[in-house]
Amino acid sequence: MGRRRKRAIRTVKRTLPSVFSCPRCGNISVRVSNDKDHTNIICGNCSLSKTYETAHNKEPVDVYNDFVDWFMKSGVIA
């Protein structure tokens, strides 16, 4: 009789999200799209949008955080 074989332990790699929650409507429907000369942030539900100049060293998560900061600071409602 042999021993039972040990299971291999798998490590799950976490990735950065590609869809974010909207600060206005609360749905998870904000996408960040990078173009050659600018970056667009658009909510698919409430059509809240903002365009930034392209920063090649920023990840979409960083651009989204700037977008949320802009939204909270400016108090955009409509």
N, C-alpha and C. Protein backbone atom coordinates (compact mmCIF):
# COMPACT_ATOMS: atom_id res chain seq x y z
N MET A 1 0.83 -1.17 0.00
CA MET A 1 0.00 0.00 0.00
C MET A 1 0.88 1.25 0.00
N GLY A 2 0.53 2.12 -0.90
CA GLY A 2 1.31 3.35 -1.02
C GLY A 2 0.63 4.52 -0.34
N ARG A 3 1.39 5.55 -0.24
CA ARG A 3 0.84 6.78 0.35
C ARG A 3 -0.01 7.53 -0.66
N ARG A 4 -0.86 8.40 -0.13
CA ARG A 4 -1.64 9.26 -1.02
C ARG A 4 -0.75 10.35 -1.57
N ARG A 5 -1.02 10.71 -2.79
CA ARG A 5 -0.24 11.75 -3.43
C ARG A 5 -0.71 13.13 -2.95
N LYS A 6 0.23 14.04 -2.68
CA LYS A 6 -0.11 15.37 -2.22
C LYS A 6 -0.62 16.21 -3.38
N ARG A 7 -1.60 17.04 -3.11
CA ARG A 7 -2.11 17.95 -4.13
C ARG A 7 -1.16 19.12 -4.32
N ALA A 8 -1.07 19.58 -5.55
CA ALA A 8 -0.26 20.75 -5.83
C ALA A 8 -1.01 22.00 -5.39
N ILE A 9 -0.34 22.88 -4.72
CA ILE A 9 -0.95 24.12 -4.26
C ILE A 9 -0.82 25.15 -5.37
N ARG A 10 -1.96 25.65 -5.84
CA ARG A 10 -1.96 26.63 -6.91
C ARG A 10 -2.11 28.03 -6.32
N THR A 11 -1.29 28.93 -6.78
CA THR A 11 -1.42 30.31 -6.35
C THR A 11 -2.22 31.07 -7.39
N VAL A 12 -3.19 31.83 -6.94
CA VAL A 12 -4.05 32.60 -7.84
C VAL A 12 -3.45 33.98 -7.98
N LYS A 13 -3.16 34.37 -9.23
CA LYS A 13 -2.63 35.70 -9.47
C LYS A 13 -3.79 36.66 -9.65
N ARG A 14 -3.75 37.74 -8.89
CA ARG A 14 -4.80 38.74 -8.97
C ARG A 14 -4.42 39.74 -10.05
N THR A 15 -5.43 40.17 -10.83
CA THR A 15 -5.20 41.14 -11.88
C THR A 15 -5.96 42.42 -11.57
N LEU A 16 -5.55 43.49 -12.21
CA LEU A 16 -6.24 44.76 -12.04
C LEU A 16 -7.56 44.72 -12.78
N PRO A 17 -8.59 45.38 -12.26
CA PRO A 17 -9.90 45.34 -12.93
C PRO A 17 -9.88 46.15 -14.22
N SER A 18 -10.81 45.83 -15.13
CA SER A 18 -10.93 46.59 -16.37
C SER A 18 -12.24 47.37 -16.41
N VAL A 19 -13.18 47.05 -15.54
CA VAL A 19 -14.45 47.77 -15.43
C VAL A 19 -14.58 48.24 -13.99
N PHE A 20 -14.98 49.51 -13.82
CA PHE A 20 -15.01 50.12 -12.50
C PHE A 20 -16.42 50.58 -12.17
N SER A 21 -16.64 50.95 -10.90
CA SER A 21 -17.95 51.45 -10.49
C SER A 21 -18.03 52.95 -10.74
N CYS A 22 -19.22 53.39 -11.10
CA CYS A 22 -19.46 54.79 -11.42
C CYS A 22 -19.71 55.57 -10.14
N PRO A 23 -19.07 56.74 -9.96
CA PRO A 23 -19.31 57.51 -8.74
C PRO A 23 -20.69 58.17 -8.72
N ARG A 24 -21.33 58.34 -9.87
CA ARG A 24 -22.64 58.99 -9.91
C ARG A 24 -23.77 57.98 -9.72
N CYS A 25 -23.82 56.92 -10.54
CA CYS A 25 -24.96 56.00 -10.50
C CYS A 25 -24.69 54.76 -9.66
N GLY A 26 -23.43 54.44 -9.37
CA GLY A 26 -23.10 53.30 -8.52
C GLY A 26 -23.00 51.97 -9.23
N ASN A 27 -23.33 51.90 -10.52
CA ASN A 27 -23.22 50.65 -11.26
C ASN A 27 -21.78 50.40 -11.69
N ILE A 28 -21.45 49.13 -11.88
CA ILE A 28 -20.12 48.78 -12.35
C ILE A 28 -20.15 48.82 -13.87
N SER A 29 -19.94 50.03 -14.43
CA SER A 29 -20.07 50.20 -15.87
C SER A 29 -19.14 51.27 -16.43
N VAL A 30 -18.07 51.61 -15.74
CA VAL A 30 -17.12 52.62 -16.22
C VAL A 30 -15.95 51.92 -16.87
N ARG A 31 -15.66 52.32 -18.12
CA ARG A 31 -14.52 51.79 -18.86
C ARG A 31 -13.53 52.90 -19.14
N VAL A 32 -12.26 52.53 -19.13
CA VAL A 32 -11.18 53.46 -19.46
C VAL A 32 -10.58 52.99 -20.77
N SER A 33 -10.62 53.87 -21.79
CA SER A 33 -10.05 53.51 -23.09
C SER A 33 -8.91 54.46 -23.42
N ASN A 34 -7.77 53.90 -23.78
CA ASN A 34 -6.58 54.68 -24.11
C ASN A 34 -6.46 54.80 -25.62
N ASP A 35 -6.43 56.03 -26.11
CA ASP A 35 -6.17 56.29 -27.52
C ASP A 35 -4.75 56.84 -27.64
N LYS A 36 -4.39 57.23 -28.85
CA LYS A 36 -3.03 57.69 -29.08
C LYS A 36 -2.72 58.99 -28.34
N ASP A 37 -3.65 59.94 -28.36
CA ASP A 37 -3.37 61.25 -27.79
C ASP A 37 -4.23 61.61 -26.59
N HIS A 38 -5.23 60.80 -26.25
CA HIS A 38 -6.05 61.09 -25.08
C HIS A 38 -6.65 59.81 -24.51
N THR A 39 -7.15 59.93 -23.27
CA THR A 39 -7.75 58.81 -22.55
C THR A 39 -9.20 59.17 -22.25
N ASN A 40 -10.13 58.29 -22.62
CA ASN A 40 -11.55 58.51 -22.38
C ASN A 40 -12.02 57.63 -21.24
N ILE A 41 -12.86 58.22 -20.38
CA ILE A 41 -13.52 57.48 -19.30
C ILE A 41 -15.00 57.68 -19.50
N ILE A 42 -15.74 56.57 -19.69
CA ILE A 42 -17.16 56.65 -19.99
C ILE A 42 -17.93 55.65 -19.15
N CYS A 43 -19.05 56.10 -18.58
CA CYS A 43 -19.98 55.21 -17.89
C CYS A 43 -21.01 54.74 -18.90
N GLY A 44 -21.21 53.45 -19.02
CA GLY A 44 -22.16 52.91 -19.97
C GLY A 44 -23.60 53.07 -19.53
N ASN A 45 -23.84 53.34 -18.26
CA ASN A 45 -25.19 53.44 -17.75
C ASN A 45 -25.71 54.88 -17.77
N CYS A 46 -24.97 55.81 -17.18
CA CYS A 46 -25.46 57.19 -17.05
C CYS A 46 -24.76 58.17 -17.98
N SER A 47 -23.85 57.73 -18.82
CA SER A 47 -23.13 58.53 -19.82
C SER A 47 -22.24 59.61 -19.21
N LEU A 48 -21.80 59.44 -18.00
CA LEU A 48 -20.82 60.35 -17.41
C LEU A 48 -19.49 60.10 -18.11
N SER A 49 -18.84 61.16 -18.59
CA SER A 49 -17.60 60.96 -19.33
C SER A 49 -16.62 62.09 -19.05
N LYS A 50 -15.36 61.80 -19.27
CA LYS A 50 -14.28 62.78 -19.12
C LYS A 50 -13.14 62.34 -20.02
N THR A 51 -12.44 63.32 -20.59
CA THR A 51 -11.29 63.05 -21.45
C THR A 51 -10.06 63.66 -20.81
N TYR A 52 -8.98 62.87 -20.75
CA TYR A 52 -7.70 63.31 -20.21
C TYR A 52 -6.65 63.25 -21.31
N GLU A 53 -5.61 64.05 -21.15
CA GLU A 53 -4.45 63.91 -22.02
C GLU A 53 -3.78 62.58 -21.67
N THR A 54 -3.22 61.93 -22.66
CA THR A 54 -2.64 60.62 -22.44
C THR A 54 -1.39 60.72 -21.57
N ALA A 55 -1.37 59.94 -20.53
CA ALA A 55 -0.20 59.79 -19.67
C ALA A 55 0.26 58.35 -19.82
N HIS A 56 1.33 58.14 -20.53
CA HIS A 56 1.77 56.79 -20.87
C HIS A 56 2.25 55.99 -19.66
N ASN A 57 2.58 56.68 -18.59
CA ASN A 57 3.09 55.96 -17.43
C ASN A 57 2.00 55.61 -16.43
N LYS A 58 0.73 55.94 -16.73
CA LYS A 58 -0.37 55.65 -15.80
C LYS A 58 -1.17 54.44 -16.25
N GLU A 59 -1.52 53.63 -15.27
CA GLU A 59 -2.40 52.48 -15.51
C GLU A 59 -3.85 52.98 -15.54
N PRO A 60 -4.77 52.19 -16.12
CA PRO A 60 -6.19 52.59 -16.11
C PRO A 60 -6.75 52.80 -14.71
N VAL A 61 -6.25 52.07 -13.73
CA VAL A 61 -6.71 52.23 -12.35
C VAL A 61 -6.35 53.62 -11.83
N ASP A 62 -5.15 54.10 -12.17
CA ASP A 62 -4.72 55.42 -11.73
C ASP A 62 -5.55 56.52 -12.39
N VAL A 63 -5.87 56.35 -13.67
CA VAL A 63 -6.70 57.32 -14.38
C VAL A 63 -8.10 57.33 -13.78
N TYR A 64 -8.63 56.15 -13.45
CA TYR A 64 -9.94 56.06 -12.81
C TYR A 64 -9.95 56.78 -11.47
N ASN A 65 -8.89 56.63 -10.68
CA ASN A 65 -8.82 57.32 -9.38
C ASN A 65 -8.79 58.84 -9.56
N ASP A 66 -8.09 59.33 -10.60
CA ASP A 66 -8.11 60.76 -10.90
C ASP A 66 -9.50 61.22 -11.28
N PHE A 67 -10.22 60.37 -12.02
CA PHE A 67 -11.58 60.67 -12.45
C PHE A 67 -12.52 60.77 -11.25
N VAL A 68 -12.41 59.86 -10.31
CA VAL A 68 -13.25 59.89 -9.11
C VAL A 68 -12.92 61.12 -8.26
N ASP A 69 -11.63 61.45 -8.15
CA ASP A 69 -11.24 62.65 -7.41
C ASP A 69 -11.82 63.90 -8.06
N TRP A 70 -11.76 63.98 -9.39
CA TRP A 70 -12.34 65.11 -10.12
C TRP A 70 -13.83 65.19 -9.88
N PHE A 71 -14.51 64.06 -9.91
CA PHE A 71 -15.97 64.03 -9.72
C PHE A 71 -16.35 64.50 -8.33
N MET A 72 -15.66 64.01 -7.31
CA MET A 72 -15.98 64.38 -5.94
C MET A 72 -15.65 65.85 -5.66
N LYS A 73 -14.58 66.35 -6.26
CA LYS A 73 -14.18 67.73 -6.03
C LYS A 73 -15.11 68.71 -6.73
N SER A 74 -15.52 68.40 -7.97
CA SER A 74 -16.32 69.33 -8.74
C SER A 74 -17.80 69.27 -8.39
N GLY A 75 -18.26 68.15 -7.86
CA GLY A 75 -19.67 68.02 -7.48
C GLY A 75 -20.59 67.93 -8.68
N VAL A 76 -20.14 67.29 -9.75
CA VAL A 76 -20.95 67.14 -10.96
C VAL A 76 -22.12 66.23 -10.64
N ILE A 77 -23.34 66.70 -10.90
CA ILE A 77 -24.54 65.91 -10.61
C ILE A 77 -25.20 65.47 -11.89
N ALA A 78 -25.43 66.35 -12.82
CA ALA A 78 -26.13 66.01 -14.05
C ALA A 78 -25.18 65.73 -15.17
